[in-house]
PDB file of N, CA and C in Angstrom:
ATOM      1  N   MET A   1     -47.140  -6.575 -44.194  1.00  0.00           N
ATOM      2  CA  MET A   1     -47.401  -7.952 -43.840  1.00  0.00           C
ATOM      3  C   MET A   1     -48.837  -8.360 -44.198  1.00  0.00           C
ATOM      4  N   SER A   2     -49.713  -7.370 -44.408  1.00  0.00           N
ATOM      5  CA  SER A   2     -51.106  -7.681 -44.705  1.00  0.00           C
ATOM      6  C   SER A   2     -51.248  -8.302 -46.089  1.00  0.00           C
ATOM      7  N   SER A   3     -52.014  -9.380 -46.161  1.00  0.00           N
ATOM      8  CA  SER A   3     -52.275  -9.997 -47.456  1.00  0.00           C
ATOM      9  C   SER A   3     -53.584  -9.485 -48.042  1.00  0.00           C
ATOM     10  N   ALA A   4     -54.381  -8.778 -47.257  1.00  0.00           N
ATOM     11  CA  ALA A   4     -55.638  -8.200 -47.720  1.00  0.00           C
ATOM     12  C   ALA A   4     -56.170  -7.240 -46.662  1.00  0.00           C
ATOM     13  N   VAL A   5     -57.090  -6.390 -47.094  1.00  0.00           N
ATOM     14  CA  VAL A   5     -57.818  -5.519 -46.175  1.00  0.00           C
ATOM     15  C   VAL A   5     -59.225  -6.088 -46.037  1.00  0.00           C
ATOM     16  N   VAL A   6     -59.659  -6.297 -44.804  1.00  0.00           N
ATOM     17  CA  VAL A   6     -60.995  -6.804 -44.539  1.00  0.00           C
ATOM     18  C   VAL A   6     -61.835  -5.644 -44.009  1.00  0.00           C
ATOM     19  N   ARG A   7     -62.948  -5.425 -44.677  1.00  0.00           N
ATOM     20  CA  ARG A   7     -63.896  -4.378 -44.277  1.00  0.00           C
ATOM     21  C   ARG A   7     -65.051  -5.070 -43.557  1.00  0.00           C
ATOM     22  N   ARG A   8     -65.300  -4.656 -42.316  1.00  0.00           N
ATOM     23  CA  ARG A   8     -66.336  -5.290 -41.488  1.00  0.00           C
ATOM     24  C   ARG A   8     -67.459  -4.293 -41.240  1.00  0.00           C
ATOM     25  N   TRP A   9     -68.687  -4.762 -41.490  1.00  0.00           N
ATOM     26  CA  TRP A   9     -69.880  -3.944 -41.278  1.00  0.00           C
ATOM     27  C   TRP A   9     -70.926  -4.821 -40.604  1.00  0.00           C
ATOM     28  N   GLU A  10     -71.731  -4.239 -39.708  1.00  0.00           N
ATOM     29  CA  GLU A  10     -72.692  -5.035 -38.955  1.00  0.00           C
ATOM     30  C   GLU A  10     -74.090  -4.450 -39.025  1.00  0.00           C
ATOM     31  N   ALA A  11     -75.073  -5.339 -38.921  1.00  0.00           N
ATOM     32  CA  ALA A  11     -76.482  -4.962 -38.934  1.00  0.00           C
ATOM     33  C   ALA A  11     -77.279  -6.061 -38.248  1.00  0.00           C
ATOM     34  N   THR A  12     -78.576  -5.832 -38.095  1.00  0.00           N
ATOM     35  CA  THR A  12     -79.473  -6.899 -37.661  1.00  0.00           C
ATOM     36  C   THR A  12     -80.552  -7.074 -38.723  1.00  0.00           C
ATOM     37  N   VAL A  13     -80.963  -8.333 -38.907  1.00  0.00           N
ATOM     38  CA  VAL A  13     -81.945  -8.710 -39.920  1.00  0.00           C
ATOM     39  C   VAL A  13     -82.907  -9.707 -39.291  1.00  0.00           C
ATOM     40  N   ALA A  14     -84.199  -9.552 -39.577  1.00  0.00           N
ATOM     41  CA  ALA A  14     -85.165 -10.547 -39.109  1.00  0.00           C
ATOM     42  C   ALA A  14     -84.752 -11.909 -39.670  1.00  0.00           C
ATOM     43  N   ARG A  15     -84.774 -12.914 -38.833  1.00  0.00           N
ATOM     44  CA  ARG A  15     -84.333 -14.249 -39.259  1.00  0.00           C
ATOM     45  C   ARG A  15     -85.080 -14.697 -40.519  1.00  0.00           C
ATOM     46  N   ASP A  16     -86.355 -14.401 -40.609  1.00  0.00           N
ATOM     47  CA  ASP A  16     -87.135 -14.799 -41.789  1.00  0.00           C
ATOM     48  C   ASP A  16     -86.691 -14.090 -43.069  1.00  0.00           C
ATOM     49  N   ASP A  17     -85.964 -12.984 -42.937  1.00  0.00           N
ATOM     50  CA  ASP A  17     -85.505 -12.215 -44.107  1.00  0.00           C
ATOM     51  C   ASP A  17     -84.079 -12.533 -44.526  1.00  0.00           C
ATOM     52  N   LEU A  18     -83.391 -13.393 -43.764  1.00  0.00           N
ATOM     53  CA  LEU A  18     -81.978 -13.661 -44.065  1.00  0.00           C
ATOM     54  C   LEU A  18     -81.761 -14.205 -45.478  1.00  0.00           C
ATOM     55  N   THR A  19     -82.534 -15.176 -45.885  1.00  0.00           N
ATOM     56  CA  THR A  19     -82.338 -15.778 -47.199  1.00  0.00           C
ATOM     57  C   THR A  19     -82.548 -14.748 -48.303  1.00  0.00           C
ATOM     58  N   ALA A  20     -83.624 -13.969 -48.209  1.00  0.00           N
ATOM     59  CA  ALA A  20     -83.893 -12.947 -49.220  1.00  0.00           C
ATOM     60  C   ALA A  20     -82.810 -11.870 -49.220  1.00  0.00           C
ATOM     61  N   CYS A  21     -82.313 -11.514 -48.050  1.00  0.00           N
ATOM     62  CA  CYS A  21     -81.242 -10.518 -47.941  1.00  0.00           C
ATOM     63  C   CYS A  21     -79.994 -10.998 -48.671  1.00  0.00           C
ATOM     64  N   VAL A  22     -79.598 -12.220 -48.406  1.00  0.00           N
ATOM     65  CA  VAL A  22     -78.389 -12.775 -49.034  1.00  0.00           C
ATOM     66  C   VAL A  22     -78.588 -12.915 -50.540  1.00  0.00           C
ATOM     67  N   GLU A  23     -79.744 -13.378 -50.965  1.00  0.00           N
ATOM     68  CA  GLU A  23     -79.994 -13.531 -52.408  1.00  0.00           C
ATOM     69  C   GLU A  23     -79.999 -12.186 -53.120  1.00  0.00           C
ATOM     70  N   THR A  24     -80.584 -11.177 -52.500  1.00  0.00           N
ATOM     71  CA  THR A  24     -80.573  -9.836 -53.099  1.00  0.00           C
ATOM     72  C   THR A  24     -79.151  -9.312 -53.193  1.00  0.00           C
ATOM     73  N   PHE A  25     -78.369  -9.534 -52.145  1.00  0.00           N
ATOM     74  CA  PHE A  25     -76.955  -9.145 -52.191  1.00  0.00           C
ATOM     75  C   PHE A  25     -76.252  -9.850 -53.348  1.00  0.00           C
ATOM     76  N   ARG A  26     -76.439 -11.156 -53.464  1.00  0.00           N
ATOM     77  CA  ARG A  26     -75.785 -11.926 -54.532  1.00  0.00           C
ATOM     78  C   ARG A  26     -76.165 -11.415 -55.921  1.00  0.00           C
ATOM     79  N   GLU A  27     -77.441 -11.134 -56.106  1.00  0.00           N
ATOM     80  CA  GLU A  27     -77.936 -10.759 -57.428  1.00  0.00           C
ATOM     81  C   GLU A  27     -77.673  -9.307 -57.800  1.00  0.00           C
ATOM     82  N   ARG A  28     -77.716  -8.401 -56.804  1.00  0.00           N
ATOM     83  CA  ARG A  28     -77.697  -6.983 -57.140  1.00  0.00           C
ATOM     84  C   ARG A  28     -76.470  -6.218 -56.669  1.00  0.00           C
ATOM     85  N   VAL A  29     -75.789  -6.695 -55.646  1.00  0.00           N
ATOM     86  CA  VAL A  29     -74.622  -5.984 -55.120  1.00  0.00           C
ATOM     87  C   VAL A  29     -73.333  -6.666 -55.552  1.00  0.00           C
ATOM     88  N   LEU A  30     -73.274  -7.961 -55.389  1.00  0.00           N
ATOM     89  CA  LEU A  30     -72.041  -8.703 -55.665  1.00  0.00           C
ATOM     90  C   LEU A  30     -71.512  -8.512 -57.085  1.00  0.00           C
ATOM     91  N   PRO A  31     -72.341  -8.492 -58.125  1.00  0.00           N
ATOM     92  CA  PRO A  31     -71.787  -8.267 -59.470  1.00  0.00           C
ATOM     93  C   PRO A  31     -71.024  -6.944 -59.578  1.00  0.00           C
ATOM     94  N   ASN A  32     -71.522  -5.902 -58.908  1.00  0.00           N
ATOM     95  CA  ASN A  32     -70.818  -4.613 -58.929  1.00  0.00           C
ATOM     96  C   ASN A  32     -69.503  -4.682 -58.160  1.00  0.00           C
ATOM     97  N   MET A  33     -69.498  -5.420 -57.066  1.00  0.00           N
ATOM     98  CA  MET A  33     -68.259  -5.566 -56.299  1.00  0.00           C
ATOM     99  C   MET A  33     -67.229  -6.346 -57.108  1.00  0.00           C
ATOM    100  N   ARG A  34     -67.673  -7.409 -57.761  1.00  0.00           N
ATOM    101  CA  ARG A  34     -66.755  -8.221 -58.565  1.00  0.00           C
ATOM    102  C   ARG A  34     -66.128  -7.430 -59.702  1.00  0.00           C
ATOM    103  N   ALA A  35     -66.802  -6.395 -60.150  1.00  0.00           N
ATOM    104  CA  ALA A  35     -66.289  -5.575 -61.245  1.00  0.00           C
ATOM    105  C   ALA A  35     -65.162  -4.631 -60.796  1.00  0.00           C
ATOM    106  N   ILE A  36     -64.982  -4.497 -59.502  1.00  0.00           N
ATOM    107  CA  ILE A  36     -63.945  -3.608 -58.963  1.00  0.00           C
ATOM    108  C   ILE A  36     -62.620  -4.351 -58.864  1.00  0.00           C
ATOM    109  N   ASP A  37     -61.607  -3.792 -59.496  1.00  0.00           N
ATOM    110  CA  ASP A  37     -60.274  -4.376 -59.430  1.00  0.00           C
ATOM    111  C   ASP A  37     -59.810  -4.373 -57.974  1.00  0.00           C
ATOM    112  N   GLY A  38     -59.491  -5.526 -57.453  1.00  0.00           N
ATOM    113  CA  GLY A  38     -59.027  -5.636 -56.071  1.00  0.00           C
ATOM    114  C   GLY A  38     -60.035  -6.272 -55.136  1.00  0.00           C
ATOM    115  N   PHE A  39     -61.273  -6.505 -55.606  1.00  0.00           N
ATOM    116  CA  PHE A  39     -62.241  -7.222 -54.776  1.00  0.00           C
ATOM    117  C   PHE A  39     -61.818  -8.684 -54.692  1.00  0.00           C
ATOM    118  N   ARG A  40     -61.844  -9.240 -53.489  1.00  0.00           N
ATOM    119  CA  ARG A  40     -61.452 -10.638 -53.308  1.00  0.00           C
ATOM    120  C   ARG A  40     -62.627 -11.538 -52.950  1.00  0.00           C
ATOM    121  N   ASP A  41     -63.382 -11.198 -51.905  1.00  0.00           N
ATOM    122  CA  ASP A  41     -64.537 -12.025 -51.556  1.00  0.00           C
ATOM    123  C   ASP A  41     -65.420 -11.318 -50.539  1.00  0.00           C
ATOM    124  N   ALA A  42     -66.580 -11.917 -50.299  1.00  0.00           N
ATOM    125  CA  ALA A  42     -67.532 -11.411 -49.319  1.00  0.00           C
ATOM    126  C   ALA A  42     -68.033 -12.584 -48.487  1.00  0.00           C
ATOM    127  N   THR A  43     -68.199 -12.344 -47.196  1.00  0.00           N
ATOM    128  CA  THR A  43     -68.697 -13.350 -46.270  1.00  0.00           C
ATOM    129  C   THR A  43     -69.783 -12.723 -45.407  1.00  0.00           C
ATOM    130  N   PHE A  44     -70.905 -13.409 -45.286  1.00  0.00           N
ATOM    131  CA  PHE A  44     -71.975 -13.005 -44.372  1.00  0.00           C
ATOM    132  C   PHE A  44     -71.955 -13.991 -43.207  1.00  0.00           C
ATOM    133  N   LEU A  45     -71.983 -13.477 -41.990  1.00  0.00           N
ATOM    134  CA  LEU A  45     -72.085 -14.293 -40.790  1.00  0.00           C
ATOM    135  C   LEU A  45     -73.339 -13.869 -40.043  1.00  0.00           C
ATOM    136  N   ALA A  46     -74.178 -14.828 -39.672  1.00  0.00           N
ATOM    137  CA  ALA A  46     -75.380 -14.528 -38.895  1.00  0.00           C
ATOM    138  C   ALA A  46     -75.298 -15.278 -37.581  1.00  0.00           C
ATOM    139  N   ARG A  47     -75.460 -14.547 -36.502  1.00  0.00           N
ATOM    140  CA  ARG A  47     -75.402 -15.174 -35.187  1.00  0.00           C
ATOM    141  C   ARG A  47     -76.542 -16.172 -35.045  1.00  0.00           C
ATOM    142  N   ARG A  48     -76.220 -17.347 -34.562  1.00  0.00           N
ATOM    143  CA  ARG A  48     -77.212 -18.414 -34.384  1.00  0.00           C
ATOM    144  C   ARG A  48     -78.216 -18.060 -33.305  1.00  0.00           C
ATOM    145  N   ASP A  49     -79.419 -18.567 -33.500  1.00  0.00           N
ATOM    146  CA  ASP A  49     -80.454 -18.531 -32.470  1.00  0.00           C
ATOM    147  C   ASP A  49     -80.822 -17.133 -31.982  1.00  0.00           C
ATOM    148  N   GLU A  50     -80.753 -16.152 -32.862  1.00  0.00           N
ATOM    149  CA  GLU A  50     -81.188 -14.798 -32.513  1.00  0.00           C
ATOM    150  C   GLU A  50     -82.205 -14.337 -33.534  1.00  0.00           C
ATOM    151  N   ASP A  51     -83.190 -13.594 -33.109  1.00  0.00           N
ATOM    152  CA  ASP A  51     -84.128 -12.967 -34.024  1.00  0.00           C
ATOM    153  C   ASP A  51     -84.518 -11.620 -33.442  1.00  0.00           C
ATOM    154  N   PRO A  52     -84.103 -10.515 -34.041  1.00  0.00           N
ATOM    155  CA  PRO A  52     -83.390 -10.471 -35.312  1.00  0.00           C
ATOM    156  C   PRO A  52     -81.964 -11.007 -35.173  1.00  0.00           C
ATOM    157  N   ALA A  53     -81.464 -11.497 -36.283  1.00  0.00           N
ATOM    158  CA  ALA A  53     -80.118 -12.069 -36.314  1.00  0.00           C
ATOM    159  C   ALA A  53     -79.078 -10.958 -36.428  1.00  0.00           C
ATOM    160  N   HIS A  54     -78.052 -11.051 -35.619  1.00  0.00           N
ATOM    161  CA  HIS A  54     -76.913 -10.147 -35.731  1.00  0.00           C
ATOM    162  C   HIS A  54     -76.116 -10.595 -36.954  1.00  0.00           C
ATOM    163  N   LEU A  55     -75.914  -9.687 -37.894  1.00  0.00           N
ATOM    164  CA  LEU A  55     -75.247  -9.984 -39.155  1.00  0.00           C
ATOM    165  C   LEU A  55     -73.910  -9.263 -39.215  1.00  0.00           C
ATOM    166  N   ILE A  56     -72.875  -9.990 -39.579  1.00  0.00           N
ATOM    167  CA  ILE A  56     -71.560  -9.396 -39.828  1.00  0.00           C
ATOM    168  C   ILE A  56     -71.241  -9.643 -41.295  1.00  0.00           C
ATOM    169  N   VAL A  57     -70.931  -8.573 -42.003  1.00  0.00           N
ATOM    170  CA  VAL A  57     -70.562  -8.671 -43.413  1.00  0.00           C
ATOM    171  C   VAL A  57     -69.081  -8.330 -43.518  1.00  0.00           C
ATOM    172  N   LEU A  58     -68.319  -9.292 -44.012  1.00  0.00           N
ATOM    173  CA  LEU A  58     -66.886  -9.104 -44.219  1.00  0.00           C
ATOM    174  C   LEU A  58     -66.621  -9.101 -45.711  1.00  0.00           C
ATOM    175  N   THR A  59     -66.006  -8.032 -46.197  1.00  0.00           N
ATOM    176  CA  THR A  59     -65.562  -8.021 -47.588  1.00  0.00           C
ATOM    177  C   THR A  59     -64.052  -7.893 -47.584  1.00  0.00           C
ATOM    178  N   LYS A  60     -63.436  -8.607 -48.492  1.00  0.00           N
ATOM    179  CA  LYS A  60     -61.975  -8.636 -48.540  1.00  0.00           C
ATOM    180  C   LYS A  60     -61.507  -7.964 -49.822  1.00  0.00           C
ATOM    181  N   TRP A  61     -60.476  -7.130 -49.680  1.00  0.00           N
ATOM    182  CA  TRP A  61     -59.970  -6.315 -50.771  1.00  0.00           C
ATOM    183  C   TRP A  61     -58.447  -6.395 -50.821  1.00  0.00           C
ATOM    184  N   ARG A  62     -57.914  -6.193 -51.987  1.00  0.00           N
ATOM    185  CA  ARG A  62     -56.454  -6.230 -52.152  1.00  0.00           C
ATOM    186  C   ARG A  62     -55.778  -5.157 -51.310  1.00  0.00           C
ATOM    187  N   ASP A  63     -56.343  -3.944 -51.307  1.00  0.00           N
ATOM    188  CA  ASP A  63     -55.739  -2.816 -50.599  1.00  0.00           C
ATOM    189  C   ASP A  63     -56.804  -1.740 -50.381  1.00  0.00           C
ATOM    190  N   MET A  64     -56.429  -0.660 -49.710  1.00  0.00           N
ATOM    191  CA  MET A  64     -57.395   0.411 -49.431  1.00  0.00           C
ATOM    192  C   MET A  64     -57.831   1.120 -50.700  1.00  0.00           C
ATOM    193  N   ALA A  65     -57.009   1.145 -51.723  1.00  0.00           N
ATOM    194  CA  ALA A  65     -57.419   1.765 -52.995  1.00  0.00           C
ATOM    195  C   ALA A  65     -58.632   1.028 -53.564  1.00  0.00           C
ATOM    196  N   ALA A  66     -58.665  -0.279 -53.435  1.00  0.00           N
ATOM    197  CA  ALA A  66     -59.810  -1.055 -53.902  1.00  0.00           C
ATOM    198  C   ALA A  66     -61.044  -0.757 -53.045  1.00  0.00           C
ATOM    199  N   VAL A  67     -60.861  -0.599 -51.742  1.00  0.00           N
ATOM    200  CA  VAL A  67     -61.973  -0.250 -50.856  1.00  0.00           C
ATOM    201  C   VAL A  67     -62.551   1.102 -51.266  1.00  0.00           C
ATOM    202  N   VAL A  68     -61.677   2.065 -51.529  1.00  0.00           N
ATOM    203  CA  VAL A  68     -62.123   3.395 -51.942  1.00  0.00           C
ATOM    204  C   VAL A  68     -62.873   3.323 -53.273  1.00  0.00           C
ATOM    205  N   ALA A  69     -62.434   2.468 -54.176  1.00  0.00           N
ATOM    206  CA  ALA A  69     -63.147   2.297 -55.446  1.00  0.00           C
ATOM    207  C   ALA A  69     -64.568   1.799 -55.206  1.00  0.00           C
ATOM    208  N   PHE A  70     -64.761   1.026 -54.149  1.00  0.00           N
ATOM    209  CA  PHE A  70     -66.086   0.519 -53.784  1.00  0.00           C
ATOM    210  C   PHE A  70     -66.892   1.539 -52.988  1.00  0.00           C
ATOM    211  N   ALA A  71     -66.301   2.069 -51.930  1.00  0.00           N
ATOM    212  CA  ALA A  71     -67.045   2.858 -50.942  1.00  0.00           C
ATOM    213  C   ALA A  71     -66.923   4.364 -51.121  1.00  0.00           C
ATOM    214  N   GLY A  72     -65.979   4.819 -51.928  1.00  0.00           N
ATOM    215  CA  GLY A  72     -65.758   6.246 -52.082  1.00  0.00           C
ATOM    216  C   GLY A  72     -64.700   6.763 -51.130  1.00  0.00           C
ATOM    217  N   ASP A  73     -64.479   8.069 -51.200  1.00  0.00           N
ATOM    218  CA  ASP A  73     -63.408   8.687 -50.408  1.00  0.00           C
ATOM    219  C   ASP A  73     -63.594   8.509 -48.908  1.00  0.00           C
ATOM    220  N   GLN A  74     -64.829   8.429 -48.451  1.00  0.00           N
ATOM    221  CA  GLN A  74     -65.095   8.151 -47.036  1.00  0.00           C
ATOM    222  C   GLN A  74     -65.304   6.646 -46.904  1.00  0.00           C
ATOM    223  N   ALA A  75     -64.207   5.915 -47.006  1.00  0.00           N
ATOM    224  CA  ALA A  75     -64.248   4.455 -47.131  1.00  0.00           C
ATOM    225  C   ALA A  75     -64.949   3.753 -45.970  1.00  0.00           C
ATOM    226  N   ALA A  76     -64.978   4.369 -44.809  1.00  0.00           N
ATOM    227  CA  ALA A  76     -65.619   3.735 -43.654  1.00  0.00           C
ATOM    228  C   ALA A  76     -67.136   3.901 -43.671  1.00  0.00           C
ATOM    229  N   LYS A  77     -67.645   4.863 -44.427  1.00  0.00           N
ATOM    230  CA  LYS A  77     -69.088   5.105 -44.459  1.00  0.00           C
ATOM    231  C   LYS A  77     -69.807   3.875 -45.003  1.00  0.00           C
ATOM    232  N   ALA A  78     -70.911   3.501 -44.355  1.00  0.00           N
ATOM    233  CA  ALA A  78     -71.689   2.335 -44.784  1.00  0.00           C
ATOM    234  C   ALA A  78     -72.173   2.532 -46.222  1.00  0.00           C
ATOM    235  N   VAL A  79     -72.108   1.450 -46.992  1.00  0.00           N
ATOM    236  CA  VAL A  79     -72.606   1.451 -48.364  1.00  0.00           C
ATOM    237  C   VAL A  79     -73.830   0.536 -48.373  1.00  0.00           C
ATOM    238  N   VAL A  80     -75.008   1.137 -48.335  1.00  0.00           N
ATOM    239  CA  VAL A  80     -76.250   0.370 -48.251  1.00  0.00           C
ATOM    240  C   VAL A  80     -77.220   0.901 -49.310  1.00  0.00           C
ATOM    241  N   PRO A  81     -77.313   0.210 -50.434  1.00  0.00           N
ATOM    242  CA  PRO A  81     -78.267   0.648 -51.452  1.00  0.00           C
ATOM    243  C   PRO A  81     -79.693   0.607 -50.903  1.00  0.00           C
ATOM    244  N   ASP A  82     -80.553   1.466 -51.437  1.00  0.00           N
ATOM    245  CA  ASP A  82     -81.944   1.539 -50.970  1.00  0.00           C
ATOM    246  C   ASP A  82     -82.641   0.185 -50.997  1.00  0.00           C
ATOM    247  N   PHE A  83     -82.378  -0.611 -52.040  1.00  0.00           N
ATOM    248  CA  PHE A  83     -83.061  -1.904 -52.154  1.00  0.00           C
ATOM    249  C   PHE A  83     -82.590  -2.906 -51.098  1.00  0.00           C
ATOM    250  N   MET A  84     -81.475  -2.633 -50.428  1.00  0.00           N
ATOM    251  CA  MET A  84     -81.005  -3.487 -49.335  1.00  0.00           C
ATOM    252  C   MET A  84     -81.443  -2.945 -47.973  1.00  0.00           C
ATOM    253  N   ALA A  85     -81.609  -1.655 -47.856  1.00  0.00           N
ATOM    254  CA  ALA A  85     -81.856  -1.013 -46.564  1.00  0.00           C
ATOM    255  C   ALA A  85     -83.081  -1.578 -45.842  1.00  0.00           C
ATOM    256  N   GLY A  86     -84.106  -1.974 -46.571  1.00  0.00           N
ATOM    257  CA  GLY A  86     -85.316  -2.487 -45.954  1.00  0.00           C
ATOM    258  C   GLY A  86     -85.134  -3.774 -45.174  1.00  0.00           C
ATOM    259  N   PHE A  87     -84.063  -4.492 -45.462  1.00  0.00           N
ATOM    260  CA  PHE A  87     -83.812  -5.742 -44.737  1.00  0.00           C
ATOM    261  C   PHE A  87     -83.295  -5.500 -43.314  1.00  0.00           C
ATOM    262  N   PHE A  88     -82.675  -4.355 -43.082  1.00  0.00           N
ATOM    263  CA  PHE A  88     -81.938  -4.136 -41.846  1.00  0.00           C
ATOM    264  C   PHE A  88     -82.785  -3.454 -40.779  1.00  0.00           C
ATOM    265  N   LYS A  89     -82.871  -4.100 -39.616  1.00  0.00           N
ATOM    266  CA  LYS A  89     -83.574  -3.525 -38.468  1.00  0.00           C
ATOM    267  C   LYS A  89     -82.704  -2.453 -37.817  1.00  0.00           C
ATOM    268  N   THR A  90     -81.414  -2.722 -37.726  1.00  0.00           N
ATOM    269  CA  THR A  90     -80.413  -1.763 -37.277  1.00  0.00           C
ATOM    270  C   THR A  90     -79.204  -1.948 -38.182  1.00  0.00           C
ATOM    271  N   GLN A  91     -78.377  -0.916 -38.270  1.00  0.00           N
ATOM    272  CA  GLN A  91     -77.161  -1.034 -39.079  1.00  0.00           C
ATOM    273  C   GLN A  91     -76.117  -0.044 -38.609  1.00  0.00           C
ATOM    274  N   ASP A  92     -74.863  -0.430 -38.751  1.00  0.00           N
ATOM    275  CA  ASP A  92     -73.767   0.468 -38.428  1.00  0.00           C
ATOM    276  C   ASP A  92     -73.681   1.572 -39.475  1.00  0.00           C
ATOM    277  N   ALA A  93     -73.360   2.767 -39.024  1.00  0.00           N
ATOM    278  CA  ALA A  93     -73.167   3.891 -39.948  1.00  0.00           C
ATOM    279  C   ALA A  93     -71.814   3.804 -40.636  1.00  0.00           C
ATOM    280  N   GLU A  94     -70.890   3.087 -39.999  1.00  0.00           N
ATOM    281  CA  GLU A  94     -69.540   2.972 -40.546  1.00  0.00           C
ATOM    282  C   GLU A  94     -69.037   1.546 -40.438  1.00  0.00           C
ATOM    283  N   ALA A  95     -68.132   1.226 -41.325  1.00  0.00           N
ATOM    284  CA  ALA A  95     -67.434  -0.055 -41.306  1.00  0.00           C
ATOM    285  C   ALA A  95     -66.108   0.125 -40.568  1.00  0.00           C
ATOM    286  N   THR A  96     -65.522  -0.980 -40.176  1.00  0.00           N
ATOM    287  CA  THR A  96     -64.183  -0.969 -39.595  1.00  0.00           C
ATOM    288  C   THR A  96     -63.278  -1.803 -40.487  1.00  0.00           C
ATOM    289  N   PHE A  97     -61.978  -1.611 -40.360  1.00  0.00           N
ATOM    290  CA  PHE A  97     -61.021  -2.257 -41.245  1.00  0.00           C
ATOM    291  C   PHE A  97     -60.001  -3.073 -40.461  1.00  0.00           C
ATOM    292  N   TYR A  98     -59.625  -4.191 -41.051  1.00  0.00           N
ATOM    293  CA  TYR A  98     -58.648  -5.097 -40.439  1.00  0.00           C
ATOM    294  C   TYR A  98     -57.657  -5.529 -41.502  1.00  0.00           C
ATOM    295  N   ASP A  99     -56.427  -5.735 -41.104  1.00  0.00           N
ATOM    296  CA  ASP A  99     -55.438  -6.349 -41.979  1.00  0.00           C
ATOM    297  C   ASP A  99     -55.520  -7.852 -41.792  1.00  0.00           C
ATOM    298  N   GLN A 100     -55.679  -8.560 -42.874  1.00  0.00           N
ATOM    299  CA  GLN A 100     -55.624 -10.024 -42.789  1.00  0.00           C
ATOM    300  C   GLN A 100     -54.150 -10.396 -42.736  1.00  0.00           C
ATOM    301  N   ILE A 101     -53.752 -11.022 -41.667  1.00  0.00           N
ATOM    302  CA  ILE A 101     -52.341 -11.366 -41.513  1.00  0.00           C
ATOM    303  C   ILE A 101     -52.097 -12.868 -41.545  1.00  0.00           C
ATOM    304  N   LEU A 102     -53.176 -13.654 -41.457  1.00  0.00           N
ATOM    305  CA  LEU A 102     -53.053 -15.094 -41.560  1.00  0.00           C
ATOM    306  C   LEU A 102     -54.366 -15.670 -42.046  1.00  0.00           C
ATOM    307  N   ARG A 103     -54.276 -16.620 -42.938  1.00  0.00           N
ATOM    308  CA  ARG A 103     -55.452 -17.357 -43.391  1.00  0.00           C
ATOM    309  C   ARG A 103     -55.015 -18.792 -43.653  1.00  0.00           C
ATOM    310  N   GLU A 104     -55.588 -19.705 -42.931  1.00  0.00           N
ATOM    311  CA  GLU A 104     -55.292 -21.125 -43.090  1.00  0.00           C
ATOM    312  C   GLU A 104     -56.592 -21.845 -43.396  1.00  0.00           C
ATOM    313  N   GLU A 105     -56.554 -22.774 -44.285  1.00  0.00           N
ATOM    314  CA  GLU A 105     -57.727 -23.575 -44.604  1.00  0.00           C
ATOM    315  C   GLU A 105     -57.515 -24.994 -44.120  1.00  0.00           C
ATOM    316  N   GLY A 106     -58.589 -25.586 -43.621  1.00  0.00           N
ATOM    317  CA  GLY A 106     -58.536 -26.956 -43.184  1.00  0.00           C
ATOM    318  C   GLY A 106     -59.192 -27.856 -44.218  1.00  0.00           C
ATOM    319  N   ASP A 107     -59.265 -29.133 -43.887  1.00  0.00           N
ATOM    320  CA  ASP A 107     -59.946 -30.094 -44.757  1.00  0.00           C
ATOM    321  C   ASP A 107     -61.438 -29.865 -44.666  1.00  0.00           C
ATOM    322  N   GLU A 108     -62.119 -30.081 -45.764  1.00  0.00           N
ATOM    323  CA  GLU A 108     -63.585 -29.927 -45.742  1.00  0.00           C
ATOM    324  C   GLU A 108     -64.237 -31.262 -45.585  1.00  0.00           C
TER     325      GLU A 108
END
């Protein structure tokens, strides 16, 4: 019934570093993710009014094989390149996985 696998990973980032963190992700991580067959999208969520900001990173994949192509055989292990690690005040050692079972879009 799952239409995608969502990989969830969490960290904290100084509010002043959020823009640079997202831009570095876009420029240096996202192109590699897009090159993986089965990558669907990535979403960053930052909790409002917190410093450091609680960050949730959701990446969506066609199936677990695509996740493994990204993260390796230990698919839950955090994938944090050295150039990204400096942004994070705290970070999860592992990601968690969810089956996307419904997605509805509203009017923008």
